[in-house]
Amino acid sequence: MITYSRDEIHDLFKTQQTVYAGFDPTADSLHIGNLVVLMTLIHLIRDGHKIICVIGDATASVGDPSGKDSERPVLAHDVIEENCRGISSDLNKIFSNHLKYFWKPKYNTPLNEPM
């Protein structure tokens, strides 16, 4: 396992980075468990970094990998697609509303592009 010191991480984020976060379409919308990730992404955007949100369907397609079918059932393809649309809509609203109501960047960022 690679570990980095606090100073090394601080130095890394002095230059623009691209960071991604994955969201599983196991529900039709985002939930409170996504809040920490979303807040982190918003802070990264505000510091001038680029973010990529990935909505993957593999987790929803295989169910719970631990074998606990009651926790996360395998979803039908049409349900997964609908969940992806809902999560995508939620993500667009969150980042667009943040730009519209809470933050006006001093420089052009990817958020200035239409979503």
N, C-alpha and C. Protein backbone atom coordinates (compact mmCIF):
# COMPACT_ATOMS: atom_id res chain seq x y z
N MET A 1 0.84 -1.17 0.00
CA MET A 1 0.00 0.00 0.00
C MET A 1 0.89 1.24 0.00
N ILE A 2 0.55 2.18 -0.84
CA ILE A 2 1.28 3.44 -0.92
C ILE A 2 0.67 4.42 0.08
N THR A 3 1.51 5.06 0.86
CA THR A 3 1.02 6.08 1.78
C THR A 3 1.73 7.40 1.48
N TYR A 4 1.04 8.47 1.74
CA TYR A 4 1.57 9.81 1.49
C TYR A 4 1.48 10.62 2.77
N SER A 5 2.45 11.48 2.95
CA SER A 5 2.42 12.36 4.11
C SER A 5 1.43 13.50 3.85
N ARG A 6 1.06 14.18 4.88
CA ARG A 6 0.16 15.32 4.76
C ARG A 6 0.75 16.38 3.83
N ASP A 7 2.05 16.62 3.92
CA ASP A 7 2.71 17.61 3.07
C ASP A 7 2.69 17.19 1.61
N GLU A 8 2.89 15.90 1.35
CA GLU A 8 2.86 15.41 -0.03
C GLU A 8 1.47 15.57 -0.64
N ILE A 9 0.45 15.29 0.14
CA ILE A 9 -0.92 15.46 -0.35
C ILE A 9 -1.21 16.95 -0.58
N HIS A 10 -0.79 17.78 0.34
CA HIS A 10 -0.99 19.23 0.19
C HIS A 10 -0.31 19.74 -1.08
N ASP A 11 0.93 19.29 -1.32
CA ASP A 11 1.65 19.70 -2.53
C ASP A 11 0.96 19.21 -3.79
N LEU A 12 0.42 18.01 -3.75
CA LEU A 12 -0.27 17.46 -4.92
C LEU A 12 -1.45 18.33 -5.33
N PHE A 13 -2.20 18.81 -4.35
CA PHE A 13 -3.40 19.59 -4.66
C PHE A 13 -3.11 21.07 -4.91
N LYS A 14 -1.84 21.46 -4.94
CA LYS A 14 -1.50 22.82 -5.35
C LYS A 14 -1.64 22.98 -6.86
N THR A 15 -1.57 21.87 -7.59
CA THR A 15 -1.77 21.90 -9.04
C THR A 15 -3.13 21.27 -9.34
N GLN A 16 -3.69 21.66 -10.48
CA GLN A 16 -5.02 21.15 -10.83
C GLN A 16 -4.98 19.63 -11.00
N GLN A 17 -5.92 18.97 -10.35
CA GLN A 17 -6.05 17.52 -10.44
C GLN A 17 -7.42 17.17 -11.01
N THR A 18 -7.53 15.97 -11.54
CA THR A 18 -8.81 15.44 -11.96
C THR A 18 -9.17 14.31 -11.00
N VAL A 19 -10.35 14.42 -10.41
CA VAL A 19 -10.79 13.47 -9.40
C VAL A 19 -12.14 12.90 -9.84
N TYR A 20 -12.32 11.61 -9.64
CA TYR A 20 -13.62 11.04 -9.98
C TYR A 20 -14.25 10.39 -8.76
N ALA A 21 -15.56 10.29 -8.80
CA ALA A 21 -16.31 9.59 -7.77
C ALA A 21 -17.36 8.73 -8.46
N GLY A 22 -17.54 7.54 -7.95
CA GLY A 22 -18.52 6.62 -8.54
C GLY A 22 -19.79 6.57 -7.71
N PHE A 23 -20.89 6.48 -8.41
CA PHE A 23 -22.21 6.39 -7.77
C PHE A 23 -22.92 5.15 -8.30
N ASP A 24 -23.37 4.30 -7.41
CA ASP A 24 -24.05 3.07 -7.80
C ASP A 24 -25.54 3.34 -8.00
N PRO A 25 -26.10 2.88 -9.12
CA PRO A 25 -27.53 3.10 -9.38
C PRO A 25 -28.41 2.02 -8.74
N THR A 26 -28.19 1.77 -7.46
CA THR A 26 -29.01 0.79 -6.76
C THR A 26 -30.29 1.41 -6.21
N ALA A 27 -30.43 2.72 -6.36
CA ALA A 27 -31.65 3.44 -5.98
C ALA A 27 -31.92 4.46 -7.07
N ASP A 28 -33.12 5.03 -7.05
CA ASP A 28 -33.50 5.96 -8.12
C ASP A 28 -33.05 7.39 -7.89
N SER A 29 -32.37 7.63 -6.76
CA SER A 29 -31.86 8.97 -6.48
C SER A 29 -30.67 8.86 -5.52
N LEU A 30 -29.99 9.97 -5.34
CA LEU A 30 -28.91 10.00 -4.37
C LEU A 30 -29.48 9.88 -2.97
N HIS A 31 -28.65 9.52 -2.01
CA HIS A 31 -29.10 9.38 -0.63
C HIS A 31 -28.08 10.03 0.31
N ILE A 32 -28.38 10.05 1.57
CA ILE A 32 -27.55 10.75 2.55
C ILE A 32 -26.13 10.19 2.58
N GLY A 33 -25.96 8.93 2.22
CA GLY A 33 -24.63 8.33 2.18
C GLY A 33 -23.73 8.94 1.13
N ASN A 34 -24.30 9.64 0.16
CA ASN A 34 -23.51 10.31 -0.88
C ASN A 34 -23.06 11.71 -0.47
N LEU A 35 -23.54 12.21 0.65
CA LEU A 35 -23.31 13.60 1.03
C LEU A 35 -21.83 13.94 1.20
N VAL A 36 -21.08 13.09 1.87
CA VAL A 36 -19.66 13.39 2.11
C VAL A 36 -18.91 13.47 0.77
N VAL A 37 -19.20 12.54 -0.12
CA VAL A 37 -18.55 12.55 -1.43
C VAL A 37 -18.92 13.81 -2.20
N LEU A 38 -20.19 14.18 -2.20
CA LEU A 38 -20.64 15.38 -2.92
C LEU A 38 -20.00 16.65 -2.35
N MET A 39 -19.93 16.76 -1.05
CA MET A 39 -19.32 17.93 -0.43
C MET A 39 -17.83 18.00 -0.78
N THR A 40 -17.17 16.87 -0.80
CA THR A 40 -15.75 16.83 -1.18
C THR A 40 -15.58 17.30 -2.61
N LEU A 41 -16.44 16.81 -3.51
CA LEU A 41 -16.37 17.21 -4.92
C LEU A 41 -16.59 18.71 -5.08
N ILE A 42 -17.54 19.26 -4.33
CA ILE A 42 -17.80 20.70 -4.41
C ILE A 42 -16.57 21.49 -3.93
N HIS A 43 -15.95 21.05 -2.86
CA HIS A 43 -14.73 21.73 -2.39
C HIS A 43 -13.62 21.64 -3.44
N LEU A 44 -13.49 20.49 -4.08
CA LEU A 44 -12.46 20.34 -5.11
C LEU A 44 -12.72 21.28 -6.28
N ILE A 45 -13.98 21.40 -6.69
CA ILE A 45 -14.32 22.32 -7.78
C ILE A 45 -13.97 23.75 -7.39
N ARG A 46 -14.31 24.11 -6.18
CA ARG A 46 -14.04 25.48 -5.72
C ARG A 46 -12.55 25.79 -5.67
N ASP A 47 -11.73 24.75 -5.51
CA ASP A 47 -10.28 24.93 -5.50
C ASP A 47 -9.67 24.82 -6.90
N GLY A 48 -10.53 24.70 -7.93
CA GLY A 48 -10.05 24.70 -9.30
C GLY A 48 -9.74 23.34 -9.89
N HIS A 49 -10.12 22.28 -9.22
CA HIS A 49 -9.87 20.94 -9.74
C HIS A 49 -11.03 20.50 -10.64
N LYS A 50 -10.78 19.52 -11.47
CA LYS A 50 -11.81 18.96 -12.33
C LYS A 50 -12.37 17.72 -11.66
N ILE A 51 -13.67 17.52 -11.81
CA ILE A 51 -14.27 16.31 -11.25
C ILE A 51 -14.99 15.54 -12.35
N ILE A 52 -15.09 14.26 -12.14
CA ILE A 52 -15.84 13.38 -13.02
C ILE A 52 -16.73 12.53 -12.14
N CYS A 53 -18.02 12.53 -12.44
CA CYS A 53 -18.96 11.68 -11.72
C CYS A 53 -19.29 10.49 -12.62
N VAL A 54 -19.08 9.30 -12.10
CA VAL A 54 -19.33 8.08 -12.85
C VAL A 54 -20.52 7.37 -12.21
N ILE A 55 -21.49 7.05 -13.03
CA ILE A 55 -22.63 6.26 -12.55
C ILE A 55 -22.47 4.90 -13.21
N GLY A 56 -22.01 3.93 -12.43
CA GLY A 56 -21.76 2.60 -12.97
C GLY A 56 -22.92 1.67 -12.71
N ASP A 57 -23.11 0.75 -13.61
CA ASP A 57 -24.24 -0.17 -13.42
C ASP A 57 -23.82 -1.57 -12.99
N ALA A 58 -22.54 -1.81 -12.85
CA ALA A 58 -22.08 -3.16 -12.51
C ALA A 58 -22.59 -3.61 -11.14
N THR A 59 -22.52 -2.75 -10.14
CA THR A 59 -22.95 -3.14 -8.80
C THR A 59 -24.43 -3.49 -8.78
N ALA A 60 -25.23 -2.70 -9.46
CA ALA A 60 -26.67 -2.98 -9.50
C ALA A 60 -26.97 -4.24 -10.30
N SER A 61 -26.09 -4.57 -11.24
CA SER A 61 -26.31 -5.75 -12.08
C SER A 61 -25.96 -7.06 -11.38
N VAL A 62 -25.03 -7.01 -10.42
CA VAL A 62 -24.59 -8.24 -9.76
C VAL A 62 -25.21 -8.43 -8.38
N GLY A 63 -25.87 -7.42 -7.85
CA GLY A 63 -26.44 -7.54 -6.52
C GLY A 63 -25.37 -7.40 -5.47
N ASP A 64 -25.62 -7.95 -4.30
CA ASP A 64 -24.69 -7.86 -3.18
C ASP A 64 -23.60 -8.91 -3.36
N PRO A 65 -22.34 -8.48 -3.53
CA PRO A 65 -21.27 -9.45 -3.76
C PRO A 65 -20.97 -10.34 -2.55
N SER A 66 -21.46 -9.97 -1.37
CA SER A 66 -21.22 -10.81 -0.19
C SER A 66 -22.20 -11.96 -0.10
N GLY A 67 -23.18 -12.00 -1.00
CA GLY A 67 -24.15 -13.08 -0.99
C GLY A 67 -25.38 -12.80 -0.17
N LYS A 68 -25.49 -11.63 0.41
CA LYS A 68 -26.67 -11.26 1.21
C LYS A 68 -27.72 -10.68 0.28
N ASP A 69 -28.50 -11.53 -0.35
CA ASP A 69 -29.48 -11.08 -1.34
C ASP A 69 -30.49 -10.10 -0.77
N SER A 70 -30.74 -10.16 0.53
CA SER A 70 -31.74 -9.26 1.12
C SER A 70 -31.24 -7.83 1.20
N GLU A 71 -29.91 -7.60 1.21
CA GLU A 71 -29.38 -6.25 1.32
C GLU A 71 -29.37 -5.51 0.00
N ARG A 72 -29.01 -6.21 -1.09
CA ARG A 72 -28.93 -5.55 -2.38
C ARG A 72 -29.28 -6.56 -3.47
N PRO A 73 -30.53 -6.57 -3.91
CA PRO A 73 -30.93 -7.53 -4.93
C PRO A 73 -30.39 -7.14 -6.31
N VAL A 74 -30.32 -8.11 -7.20
CA VAL A 74 -29.97 -7.85 -8.59
C VAL A 74 -31.14 -7.09 -9.21
N LEU A 75 -30.83 -5.98 -9.91
CA LEU A 75 -31.88 -5.16 -10.51
C LEU A 75 -32.00 -5.44 -12.00
N ALA A 76 -33.21 -5.32 -12.52
CA ALA A 76 -33.45 -5.48 -13.95
C ALA A 76 -32.80 -4.32 -14.70
N HIS A 77 -32.41 -4.59 -15.95
CA HIS A 77 -31.71 -3.58 -16.76
C HIS A 77 -32.51 -2.28 -16.89
N ASP A 78 -33.82 -2.37 -17.10
CA ASP A 78 -34.62 -1.15 -17.26
C ASP A 78 -34.69 -0.36 -15.95
N VAL A 79 -34.67 -1.03 -14.82
CA VAL A 79 -34.66 -0.35 -13.52
C VAL A 79 -33.33 0.36 -13.33
N ILE A 80 -32.24 -0.31 -13.69
CA ILE A 80 -30.91 0.30 -13.58
C ILE A 80 -30.83 1.55 -14.44
N GLU A 81 -31.33 1.48 -15.67
CA GLU A 81 -31.30 2.65 -16.56
C GLU A 81 -32.10 3.81 -15.97
N GLU A 82 -33.26 3.51 -15.42
CA GLU A 82 -34.08 4.56 -14.80
C GLU A 82 -33.37 5.16 -13.59
N ASN A 83 -32.73 4.32 -12.79
CA ASN A 83 -31.98 4.81 -11.63
C ASN A 83 -30.82 5.69 -12.07
N CYS A 84 -30.14 5.31 -13.15
CA CYS A 84 -29.04 6.12 -13.68
C CYS A 84 -29.54 7.50 -14.10
N ARG A 85 -30.70 7.55 -14.74
CA ARG A 85 -31.26 8.84 -15.14
C ARG A 85 -31.58 9.69 -13.91
N GLY A 86 -32.15 9.09 -12.88
CA GLY A 86 -32.48 9.83 -11.66
C GLY A 86 -31.25 10.37 -10.96
N ILE A 87 -30.23 9.56 -10.84
CA ILE A 87 -28.99 9.99 -10.18
C ILE A 87 -28.30 11.06 -11.00
N SER A 88 -28.27 10.89 -12.31
CA SER A 88 -27.67 11.90 -13.19
C SER A 88 -28.39 13.24 -13.03
N SER A 89 -29.70 13.20 -12.97
CA SER A 89 -30.48 14.42 -12.77
C SER A 89 -30.15 15.07 -11.42
N ASP A 90 -30.05 14.25 -10.38
CA ASP A 90 -29.70 14.77 -9.05
C ASP A 90 -28.33 15.45 -9.07
N LEU A 91 -27.35 14.79 -9.68
CA LEU A 91 -26.00 15.35 -9.73
C LEU A 91 -25.98 16.68 -10.49
N ASN A 92 -26.67 16.72 -11.61
CA ASN A 92 -26.74 17.97 -12.38
C ASN A 92 -27.37 19.09 -11.57
N LYS A 93 -28.44 18.79 -10.86
CA LYS A 93 -29.11 19.81 -10.04
C LYS A 93 -28.20 20.31 -8.92
N ILE A 94 -27.52 19.40 -8.25
CA ILE A 94 -26.66 19.78 -7.13
C ILE A 94 -25.55 20.72 -7.60
N PHE A 95 -24.84 20.33 -8.66
CA PHE A 95 -23.71 21.15 -9.10
C PHE A 95 -24.17 22.43 -9.79
N SER A 96 -25.25 22.38 -10.53
CA SER A 96 -25.78 23.60 -11.17
C SER A 96 -26.30 24.58 -10.13
N ASN A 97 -27.03 24.09 -9.15
CA ASN A 97 -27.56 24.97 -8.10
C ASN A 97 -26.44 25.55 -7.24
N HIS A 98 -25.40 24.79 -7.00
CA HIS A 98 -24.27 25.32 -6.25
C HIS A 98 -23.67 26.51 -6.99
N LEU A 99 -23.49 26.36 -8.29
CA LEU A 99 -22.94 27.46 -9.08
C LEU A 99 -23.91 28.64 -9.15
N LYS A 100 -25.16 28.35 -9.32
CA LYS A 100 -26.16 29.42 -9.49
C LYS A 100 -26.42 30.20 -8.20
N TYR A 101 -26.49 29.51 -7.07
CA TYR A 101 -26.93 30.17 -5.85
C TYR A 101 -25.84 30.42 -4.81
N PHE A 102 -24.75 29.68 -4.84
CA PHE A 102 -23.79 29.76 -3.74
C PHE A 102 -22.40 30.23 -4.11
N TRP A 103 -22.01 30.08 -5.36
CA TRP A 103 -20.60 30.35 -5.65
C TRP A 103 -20.45 30.91 -7.04
N LYS A 104 -19.74 32.01 -7.12
CA LYS A 104 -19.40 32.61 -8.41
C LYS A 104 -17.89 32.51 -8.56
N PRO A 105 -17.41 31.64 -9.44
CA PRO A 105 -15.96 31.46 -9.56
C PRO A 105 -15.28 32.71 -10.12
N LYS A 106 -14.03 32.90 -9.73
CA LYS A 106 -13.23 34.01 -10.22
C LYS A 106 -12.63 33.70 -11.58
N TYR A 107 -12.67 32.45 -11.96
CA TYR A 107 -12.08 32.02 -13.23
C TYR A 107 -13.00 30.98 -13.85
N ASN A 108 -12.79 30.71 -15.09
CA ASN A 108 -13.63 29.77 -15.81
C ASN A 108 -13.32 28.33 -15.38
N THR A 109 -14.34 27.59 -14.95
CA THR A 109 -14.18 26.21 -14.57
C THR A 109 -15.14 25.37 -15.38
N PRO A 110 -15.00 24.04 -15.34
CA PRO A 110 -15.93 23.19 -16.06
C PRO A 110 -17.39 23.40 -15.65
N LEU A 111 -17.62 23.92 -14.43
CA LEU A 111 -19.00 24.17 -14.01
C LEU A 111 -19.67 25.27 -14.81
N ASN A 112 -18.89 26.12 -15.45
CA ASN A 112 -19.47 27.19 -16.24
C ASN A 112 -20.07 26.68 -17.54
N GLU A 113 -19.76 25.46 -17.90
CA GLU A 113 -20.30 24.88 -19.11
C GLU A 113 -21.70 24.36 -18.83
N PRO A 114 -22.62 24.46 -19.78
CA PRO A 114 -23.97 23.94 -19.56
C PRO A 114 -23.94 22.45 -19.29
N MET A 115 -24.81 22.01 -18.41
CA MET A 115 -24.86 20.59 -18.07
C MET A 115 -25.98 19.92 -18.82
